[in-house]
Protein backbone atom coordinates (compact mmCIF):
# COMPACT_ATOMS: atom_id res chain seq x y z
CA UNK A 1 -89.58 16.64 -48.98
CA UNK A 2 -87.60 19.03 -47.19
CA UNK A 3 -84.61 16.83 -47.58
CA UNK A 4 -84.80 17.00 -51.52
CA UNK A 5 -85.50 20.82 -51.38
CA UNK A 6 -81.99 20.86 -49.30
CA UNK A 7 -80.41 18.57 -52.06
CA UNK A 8 -81.23 20.49 -55.14
CA UNK A 9 -80.63 24.31 -53.23
CA UNK A 10 -77.18 22.68 -52.79
CA UNK A 11 -76.30 21.60 -55.95
CA UNK A 12 -77.39 24.90 -57.45
CA UNK A 13 -75.17 27.05 -55.19
CA UNK A 14 -72.40 24.58 -55.61
CA UNK A 15 -68.80 26.17 -56.62
CA UNK A 16 -67.58 25.80 -60.03
CA UNK A 17 -64.17 25.09 -60.74
CA UNK A 18 -62.73 25.56 -63.90
CA UNK A 19 -58.89 24.20 -64.91
CA UNK A 20 -56.38 26.82 -65.92
CA UNK A 21 -54.96 25.84 -69.28
CA UNK A 22 -51.81 28.00 -70.72
CA UNK A 23 -51.02 27.92 -74.47
CA UNK A 24 -47.08 27.28 -74.93
CA UNK A 25 -45.44 30.75 -75.57
CA UNK A 26 -46.12 32.67 -72.88
CA UNK A 27 -44.41 33.66 -69.54
CA UNK A 28 -45.05 35.48 -66.08
CA UNK A 29 -42.53 37.78 -64.33
CA UNK A 30 -42.17 38.74 -60.82
CA UNK A 31 -40.24 39.56 -57.59
CA UNK A 32 -39.56 37.52 -54.87
CA UNK A 33 -37.61 38.71 -51.38
CA UNK A 34 -35.15 36.33 -49.48
CA UNK A 35 -32.37 37.23 -46.57
CA UNK A 36 -28.70 36.03 -47.46
CA UNK A 37 -24.99 37.05 -46.47
CA UNK A 38 -23.39 38.58 -49.42
CA UNK A 39 -20.02 39.85 -48.69
CA UNK A 40 -19.93 38.81 -44.77
CA UNK A 41 -22.70 41.18 -45.23
CA UNK A 42 -26.25 40.18 -44.00
CA UNK A 43 -29.24 41.59 -46.09
CA UNK A 44 -31.81 41.38 -48.38
CA UNK A 45 -32.23 39.71 -51.32
CA UNK A 46 -34.37 40.74 -54.15
CA UNK A 47 -34.57 37.95 -57.09
CA UNK A 48 -36.45 38.00 -60.32
CA UNK A 49 -38.83 34.91 -61.49
CA UNK A 50 -39.56 34.00 -64.91
CA UNK A 51 -42.00 31.34 -65.43
CA UNK A 52 -43.08 29.45 -68.60
CA UNK A 53 -46.79 28.26 -67.08
CA UNK A 54 -47.23 25.87 -70.21
CA UNK A 55 -43.87 23.71 -69.49
CA UNK A 56 -43.47 25.07 -65.88
CA UNK A 57 -40.05 25.94 -66.89
CA UNK A 58 -38.31 28.67 -64.66
CA UNK A 59 -35.55 31.24 -64.55
CA UNK A 60 -34.35 32.59 -61.33
CA UNK A 61 -31.77 35.41 -60.30
CA UNK A 62 -30.42 37.06 -57.18
CA UNK A 63 -30.45 41.15 -56.93
CA UNK A 64 -29.17 43.58 -54.29
CA UNK A 65 -32.39 45.78 -54.95
CA UNK A 66 -35.75 45.63 -57.16
CA UNK A 67 -34.33 48.54 -59.80
CA UNK A 68 -34.99 49.15 -63.30
CA UNK A 69 -31.53 48.00 -63.84
CA UNK A 70 -32.10 44.80 -62.32
CA UNK A 71 -35.53 44.30 -64.22
CA UNK A 72 -34.07 44.76 -67.24
CA UNK A 73 -31.24 42.67 -66.86
CA UNK A 74 -33.57 39.65 -65.39
CA UNK A 75 -35.45 40.23 -68.77
CA UNK A 76 -32.16 39.79 -70.95
CA UNK A 77 -31.23 37.07 -68.85
CA UNK A 78 -34.00 35.06 -68.73
CA UNK A 79 -34.43 35.08 -72.43
CA UNK A 80 -30.65 33.96 -72.94
CA UNK A 81 -31.48 31.05 -70.62
CA UNK A 82 -34.90 30.04 -72.55
CA UNK A 83 -33.11 30.58 -75.83
CA UNK A 84 -35.76 32.84 -76.82
CA UNK A 85 -38.45 35.58 -76.24
CA UNK A 86 -42.22 34.44 -75.28
CA UNK A 87 -45.15 35.87 -77.20
CA UNK A 88 -46.26 37.80 -73.90
CA UNK A 89 -45.31 38.48 -70.79
CA UNK A 90 -47.86 38.67 -67.38
CA UNK A 91 -46.76 41.04 -64.93
CA UNK A 92 -48.61 42.99 -61.77
CA UNK A 93 -48.51 46.83 -61.63
CA UNK A 94 -45.16 47.35 -60.96
CA UNK A 95 -43.68 50.86 -60.95
CA UNK A 96 -40.83 49.63 -62.69
CA UNK A 97 -43.41 48.99 -65.67
CA UNK A 98 -46.96 50.85 -64.76
CA UNK A 99 -46.26 54.72 -64.56
CA UNK A 100 -50.43 55.00 -64.18
CA UNK A 101 -53.35 52.63 -64.14
CA UNK A 102 -56.31 53.75 -65.98
CA UNK A 103 -60.04 53.49 -66.05
CA UNK A 104 -61.40 50.11 -67.96
CA UNK A 105 -58.04 48.06 -67.71
CA UNK A 106 -55.67 50.50 -69.17
CA UNK A 107 -52.11 50.87 -68.36
CA UNK A 108 -49.97 53.86 -69.08
CA UNK A 109 -46.44 52.26 -69.49
CA UNK A 110 -42.82 54.04 -67.82
CA UNK A 111 -40.43 54.83 -71.11
CA UNK A 112 -38.07 52.32 -69.88
CA UNK A 113 -40.77 49.35 -70.51
CA UNK A 114 -42.39 51.00 -73.33
CA UNK A 115 -38.37 50.65 -75.05
CA UNK A 116 -37.87 46.76 -73.47
CA UNK A 117 -41.39 45.70 -75.14
CA UNK A 118 -40.26 47.64 -78.06
CA UNK A 119 -37.00 45.88 -78.70
CA UNK A 120 -37.94 42.60 -77.86
CA UNK A 121 -41.34 42.50 -79.53
CA UNK A 122 -43.20 40.59 -76.90
CA UNK A 123 -46.64 41.82 -75.56
CA UNK A 124 -47.30 43.06 -72.53
CA UNK A 125 -50.12 41.64 -69.80
CA UNK A 126 -51.10 42.98 -66.55
CA UNK A 127 -52.72 41.65 -63.53
CA UNK A 128 -55.74 43.06 -61.61
CA UNK A 129 -54.52 45.04 -58.70
CA UNK A 130 -54.24 43.16 -55.58
CA UNK A 131 -55.25 40.34 -57.22
CA UNK A 132 -52.34 37.43 -57.20
CA UNK A 133 -54.16 34.79 -58.29
CA UNK A 134 -53.91 36.46 -62.04
CA UNK A 135 -50.50 35.36 -62.08
CA UNK A 136 -50.00 32.57 -59.74
CA UNK A 137 -47.74 30.44 -61.48
CA UNK A 138 -45.29 32.78 -61.14
CA UNK A 139 -45.86 33.20 -57.30
CA UNK A 140 -45.83 29.84 -56.94
CA UNK A 141 -41.96 30.02 -58.24
CA UNK A 142 -41.64 32.90 -55.96
CA UNK A 143 -42.34 30.64 -53.35
CA UNK A 144 -40.45 27.65 -54.79
CA UNK A 145 -37.69 29.60 -55.12
CA UNK A 146 -37.48 30.88 -51.49
CA UNK A 147 -37.78 27.46 -50.09
CA UNK A 148 -35.82 25.55 -52.15
CA UNK A 149 -32.98 27.83 -53.74
CA UNK A 150 -32.95 30.75 -50.52
CA UNK A 151 -33.00 27.75 -47.37
CA UNK A 152 -31.07 27.60 -45.86
CA UNK A 153 -29.89 31.30 -45.75
CA UNK A 154 -27.55 31.71 -48.50
CA UNK A 155 -23.91 33.27 -48.66
CA UNK A 156 -21.44 33.93 -51.44
CA UNK A 157 -18.91 36.74 -51.57
CA UNK A 158 -21.34 38.48 -54.37
CA UNK A 159 -24.03 38.01 -56.30
CA UNK A 160 -22.57 36.63 -59.25
CA UNK A 161 -21.28 34.38 -57.36
CA UNK A 162 -24.51 33.36 -55.86
CA UNK A 163 -26.17 33.37 -59.31
CA UNK A 164 -23.44 31.22 -61.24
CA UNK A 165 -23.55 28.54 -58.15
CA UNK A 166 -26.97 28.33 -58.71
CA UNK A 167 -26.72 28.31 -62.58
CA UNK A 168 -24.29 25.31 -62.16
CA UNK A 169 -25.97 23.48 -59.42
CA UNK A 170 -28.79 22.69 -62.15
CA UNK A 171 -26.64 22.29 -65.02
CA UNK A 172 -24.75 19.67 -63.27
CA UNK A 173 -28.01 17.70 -62.35
CA UNK A 174 -28.97 18.39 -66.21
CA UNK A 175 -25.54 16.65 -66.94
CA UNK A 176 -25.67 14.19 -64.28
CA UNK A 177 -29.24 13.11 -65.54
CA UNK A 178 -27.34 12.09 -68.61
CA UNK A 179 -30.43 12.93 -70.49
CA UNK A 180 -30.13 11.69 -74.38
CA UNK A 181 -31.35 15.22 -75.63
CA UNK A 182 -32.89 18.44 -73.30
CA UNK A 183 -36.73 18.68 -74.27
CA UNK A 184 -38.94 20.73 -72.46
CA UNK A 185 -43.05 20.86 -72.84
CA UNK A 186 -42.80 23.98 -74.91
CA UNK A 187 -41.46 22.22 -77.87
CA UNK A 188 -44.03 19.45 -77.47
CA UNK A 189 -47.37 18.89 -79.83
CA UNK A 190 -50.33 18.10 -77.83
CA UNK A 191 -52.32 18.17 -80.16
CA UNK A 192 -50.96 15.37 -82.22
CA UNK A 193 -51.69 13.32 -79.18
CA UNK A 194 -55.14 13.75 -78.20
CA UNK A 195 -55.55 10.89 -76.05
CA UNK A 196 -53.13 12.26 -73.85
CA UNK A 197 -54.37 14.24 -70.28
CA UNK A 198 -52.72 17.50 -70.95
CA UNK A 199 -53.99 19.19 -67.84
CA UNK A 200 -52.27 16.06 -66.26
CA UNK A 201 -49.37 16.46 -67.78
CA UNK A 202 -48.63 20.10 -66.71
CA UNK A 203 -49.96 19.38 -63.46
CA UNK A 204 -46.69 16.51 -62.70
CA UNK A 205 -44.17 19.19 -64.82
CA UNK A 206 -44.84 20.92 -61.28
CA UNK A 207 -42.73 18.04 -59.92
CA UNK A 208 -44.96 17.86 -56.68
CA UNK A 209 -45.64 14.07 -57.11
CA UNK A 210 -41.57 13.96 -56.67
CA UNK A 211 -42.29 14.97 -53.37
CA UNK A 212 -45.29 12.12 -52.91
CA UNK A 213 -43.17 9.81 -54.11
CA UNK A 214 -45.48 9.08 -56.36
CA UNK A 215 -44.99 7.26 -59.86
CA UNK A 216 -45.59 8.10 -63.82
CA UNK A 217 -46.37 5.67 -66.32
CA UNK A 218 -46.57 6.35 -70.03
CA UNK A 219 -47.99 3.53 -72.01
CA UNK A 220 -48.88 4.07 -76.49
CA UNK A 221 -47.79 3.34 -79.84
CA UNK A 222 -43.89 4.04 -80.86
CA UNK A 223 -43.45 7.83 -81.95
CA UNK A 224 -46.33 9.27 -79.97
CA UNK A 225 -43.67 11.21 -78.02
CA UNK A 226 -43.36 9.27 -74.34
CA UNK A 227 -39.92 9.77 -74.55
CA UNK A 228 -40.37 13.56 -74.85
CA UNK A 229 -42.61 14.01 -72.24
CA UNK A 230 -40.61 11.96 -70.01
CA UNK A 231 -37.30 14.10 -70.73
CA UNK A 232 -39.68 17.37 -70.19
CA UNK A 233 -40.94 15.85 -66.69
CA UNK A 234 -37.37 15.04 -65.94
CA UNK A 235 -35.71 18.86 -66.52
CA UNK A 236 -38.64 19.93 -65.12
CA UNK A 237 -37.27 18.29 -61.94
CA UNK A 238 -33.44 19.08 -62.33
CA UNK A 239 -34.66 23.06 -62.55
CA UNK A 240 -37.15 22.33 -59.31
CA UNK A 241 -33.91 21.11 -57.53
CA UNK A 242 -34.46 17.19 -57.40
CA UNK A 243 -31.98 14.87 -58.64
CA UNK A 244 -33.02 12.35 -61.69
CA UNK A 245 -31.42 9.70 -63.78
CA UNK A 246 -32.64 8.66 -67.35
CA UNK A 247 -31.88 5.17 -68.88
CA UNK A 248 -33.63 3.06 -71.20
CA UNK A 249 -34.67 -0.49 -69.41
CA UNK A 250 -32.44 -2.64 -71.80
CA UNK A 251 -29.51 -0.39 -71.30
CA UNK A 252 -30.30 0.00 -67.04
CA UNK A 253 -30.36 -4.01 -67.30
CA UNK A 254 -26.93 -3.92 -69.09
CA UNK A 255 -25.52 -1.53 -66.42
CA UNK A 256 -27.07 -3.56 -63.68
CA UNK A 257 -25.15 -7.12 -64.85
CA UNK A 258 -22.10 -5.90 -65.56
CA UNK A 259 -22.10 -4.15 -62.11
CA UNK A 260 -22.85 -7.92 -60.67
CA UNK A 261 -20.19 -9.24 -62.59
CA UNK A 262 -17.77 -7.05 -60.93
CA UNK A 263 -18.85 -6.96 -57.85
CA UNK A 264 -20.58 -3.46 -57.70
CA UNK A 265 -23.68 -3.94 -57.50
CA UNK A 266 -25.18 -2.87 -54.37
CA UNK A 267 -23.16 0.39 -55.10
CA UNK A 268 -25.17 0.90 -58.35
CA UNK A 269 -28.47 0.02 -56.63
CA UNK A 270 -27.88 2.24 -53.46
CA UNK A 271 -27.30 5.08 -56.31
CA UNK A 272 -30.20 4.31 -57.91
CA UNK A 273 -32.24 4.45 -54.79
CA UNK A 274 -30.64 7.83 -53.74
CA UNK A 275 -32.32 9.86 -57.05
CA UNK A 276 -35.33 11.71 -56.40
CA UNK A 277 -36.79 10.37 -59.77
CA UNK A 278 -35.60 7.84 -61.96
CA UNK A 279 -36.44 7.40 -65.34
CA UNK A 280 -36.49 3.96 -67.15
CA UNK A 281 -37.63 4.62 -71.15
CA UNK A 282 -38.63 2.06 -73.91
CA UNK A 283 -39.64 -1.04 -71.59
CA UNK A 284 -40.70 -3.22 -73.73
CA UNK A 285 -38.92 -2.68 -76.76
CA UNK A 286 -36.16 -5.48 -76.08
CA UNK A 287 -37.30 -8.92 -73.86
CA UNK A 288 -35.33 -9.38 -70.66
CA UNK A 289 -33.04 -12.21 -69.45
CA UNK A 290 -34.85 -13.88 -66.16
CA UNK A 291 -31.74 -12.73 -64.39
CA UNK A 292 -31.82 -9.05 -65.92
CA UNK A 293 -36.04 -8.98 -65.10
CA UNK A 294 -35.19 -10.11 -61.48
CA UNK A 295 -32.42 -7.49 -61.09
CA UNK A 296 -34.94 -4.33 -62.66
CA UNK A 297 -37.59 -5.54 -60.55
CA UNK A 298 -34.88 -5.19 -57.02
CA UNK A 299 -34.87 -1.78 -58.14
CA UNK A 300 -38.00 -0.91 -59.00
CA UNK A 301 -38.76 -2.54 -55.36
CA UNK A 302 -35.95 -0.66 -53.66
CA UNK A 303 -37.57 2.60 -54.82
CA UNK A 304 -41.37 1.65 -53.82
CA UNK A 305 -42.78 4.79 -51.38
CA UNK A 306 -38.57 5.98 -51.30
CA UNK A 307 -38.50 7.72 -54.88
CA UNK A 308 -40.42 8.50 -57.99
CA UNK A 309 -40.32 6.80 -61.14
CA UNK A 310 -41.32 7.27 -64.60
CA UNK A 311 -41.78 4.10 -67.24
CA UNK A 312 -42.52 4.70 -70.81
CA UNK A 313 -43.90 1.59 -72.73
CA UNK A 314 -45.11 0.18 -75.80
CA UNK A 315 -47.01 -2.18 -74.45
CA UNK A 316 -50.06 -2.70 -72.35
CA UNK A 317 -49.52 -3.56 -68.35
CA UNK A 318 -51.48 -7.50 -70.08
CA UNK A 319 -48.59 -7.97 -72.48
CA UNK A 320 -45.30 -6.97 -69.66
CA UNK A 321 -45.04 -10.67 -69.23
CA UNK A 322 -43.51 -11.14 -72.78
CA UNK A 323 -40.48 -8.87 -71.62
CA UNK A 324 -40.40 -9.65 -67.95
CA UNK A 325 -40.52 -13.75 -68.67
CA UNK A 326 -42.73 -14.36 -65.28
CA UNK A 327 -46.01 -13.68 -64.34
CA UNK A 328 -45.06 -13.60 -60.53
CA UNK A 329 -42.80 -10.93 -61.40
CA UNK A 330 -44.59 -9.30 -63.51
CA UNK A 331 -47.81 -8.84 -60.83
CA UNK A 332 -45.33 -8.25 -58.24
CA UNK A 333 -43.52 -4.95 -60.21
CA UNK A 334 -47.14 -3.55 -61.12
CA UNK A 335 -48.42 -3.83 -57.82
CA UNK A 336 -45.37 -1.23 -56.51
CA UNK A 337 -45.26 1.06 -59.86
CA UNK A 338 -49.05 1.49 -60.18
CA UNK A 339 -49.39 1.75 -55.97
CA UNK A 340 -49.38 5.36 -56.68
CA UNK A 341 -48.91 6.79 -60.14
CA UNK A 342 -50.57 8.83 -62.96
CA UNK A 343 -51.11 7.32 -66.01
CA UNK A 344 -50.30 8.44 -69.55
CA UNK A 345 -52.32 7.54 -72.14
CA UNK A 346 -50.84 8.53 -75.22
CA UNK A 347 -52.03 6.13 -78.44
CA UNK A 348 -51.96 7.62 -81.71
CA UNK A 349 -49.80 8.18 -85.14
CA UNK A 350 -46.47 8.42 -85.35
CA UNK A 351 -44.84 11.45 -85.09
CA UNK A 352 -41.45 10.53 -86.62
CA UNK A 353 -43.49 8.97 -89.20
CA UNK A 354 -45.64 12.10 -89.84
CA UNK A 355 -42.80 14.00 -90.03
CA UNK A 356 -40.97 11.66 -92.61
CA UNK A 357 -44.29 11.64 -94.97
CA UNK A 358 -44.42 15.68 -94.63
CA UNK A 359 -40.81 16.19 -95.93
CA UNK A 360 -41.16 13.67 -98.49
CA UNK A 361 -44.34 15.28 -100.05
CA UNK A 362 -42.79 18.86 -99.84
CA UNK A 363 -39.80 17.21 -102.01
CA UNK A 364 -41.97 16.11 -104.55
CA UNK A 365 -43.89 19.48 -104.77
CA UNK A 366 -41.04 21.35 -104.75
CA UNK A 367 -39.34 18.84 -107.50
CA UNK A 368 -42.61 19.28 -109.83
CA UNK A 369 -42.66 22.83 -109.00
CA UNK A 370 -39.36 23.09 -110.49
CA UNK A 371 -39.70 20.76 -113.48
CA UNK A 372 -42.88 23.35 -114.93
CA UNK A 373 -40.96 26.60 -114.30
CA UNK A 374 -39.57 27.93 -117.78
CA UNK A 375 -36.99 30.33 -118.17
CA UNK A 376 -36.58 33.23 -120.38
CA UNK A 377 -33.32 32.38 -122.59
CA UNK A 378 -32.39 36.04 -122.76
CA UNK A 379 -32.98 37.36 -119.35
CA UNK A 380 -32.93 34.54 -117.20
CA UNK A 381 -35.98 35.47 -115.66
CA UNK A 382 -38.32 32.52 -114.13
CA UNK A 383 -41.58 32.67 -115.92
CA UNK A 384 -45.20 31.21 -114.86
CA UNK A 385 -46.48 28.83 -117.16
């Protein structure tokens, strides 16, 4: 009887957790601090961080001081980096933006900040005083930037050199990844793929699975956005400081076979094993030769618990044998890939087919409207029939 009472009491008092969901088009901004050597002088570095929580895309820029000029320049540079202005931005109650905190959650904005929002036409939002978890995404970015971009202590001749170095480093990672296109989650339509676990995808965008050397497998029909998701995860990894390599399964097998014929297979295998994230797209579209399947298996085997791999496929696991040609090889490959894995199910109608159908309908409607238009022969005015 006592045990039943305790069980019921614990169930009533159990803490409830609600997963956070961030709609696209919104940002969070904050400043962080680190130590660096600029122009031979050891000094404090203030860096502005701008984070897009939906895709976890980030922008970081360093300044000598946390001033109004740095605040404004950071916004302008961030908007240019992302290629647009967010719908809204969440801040703490920095004195650069807030002149006075009024009652009932109201803020009296500074003149400079009001001019910034009026010029770029974004909505400002502010966290509760002393509640850093209100903007936890950018707080996490500040910590990540300090540990990854400012450690070890950076040295540069000037702040411009420091910022350009970090920017060029990210650009080199993206270029070295050989993405066929640069995609982010801000342009991905989650509503079009109801079977996709959106909270899981956004959690993966933080790239922490790479630190744990875990894999990601996206399965679903053709045209449901598997490649888009893989590219967006790859871009997020590049921005977080990880090395990435992208290839379709067929192209990767061709590279491996050519390298074997040219006696440079070991070097290519070492290069593939060294990247933190390997993305293998479209496994299942083209059947592989026995030799090609074995070489691909060797790549996955060498990366097992040493690096993360993303695989996209239009086939369920039970049909992978038709691509790899051997049940024994398929079983061994899946055993390694799925040991530490997040599986994304992406079934639904083809996005490309929906787009094509929509364009045809729009064109037909436009032709129909044009055919029914009446024109006044005297004035040239279009008359409504």
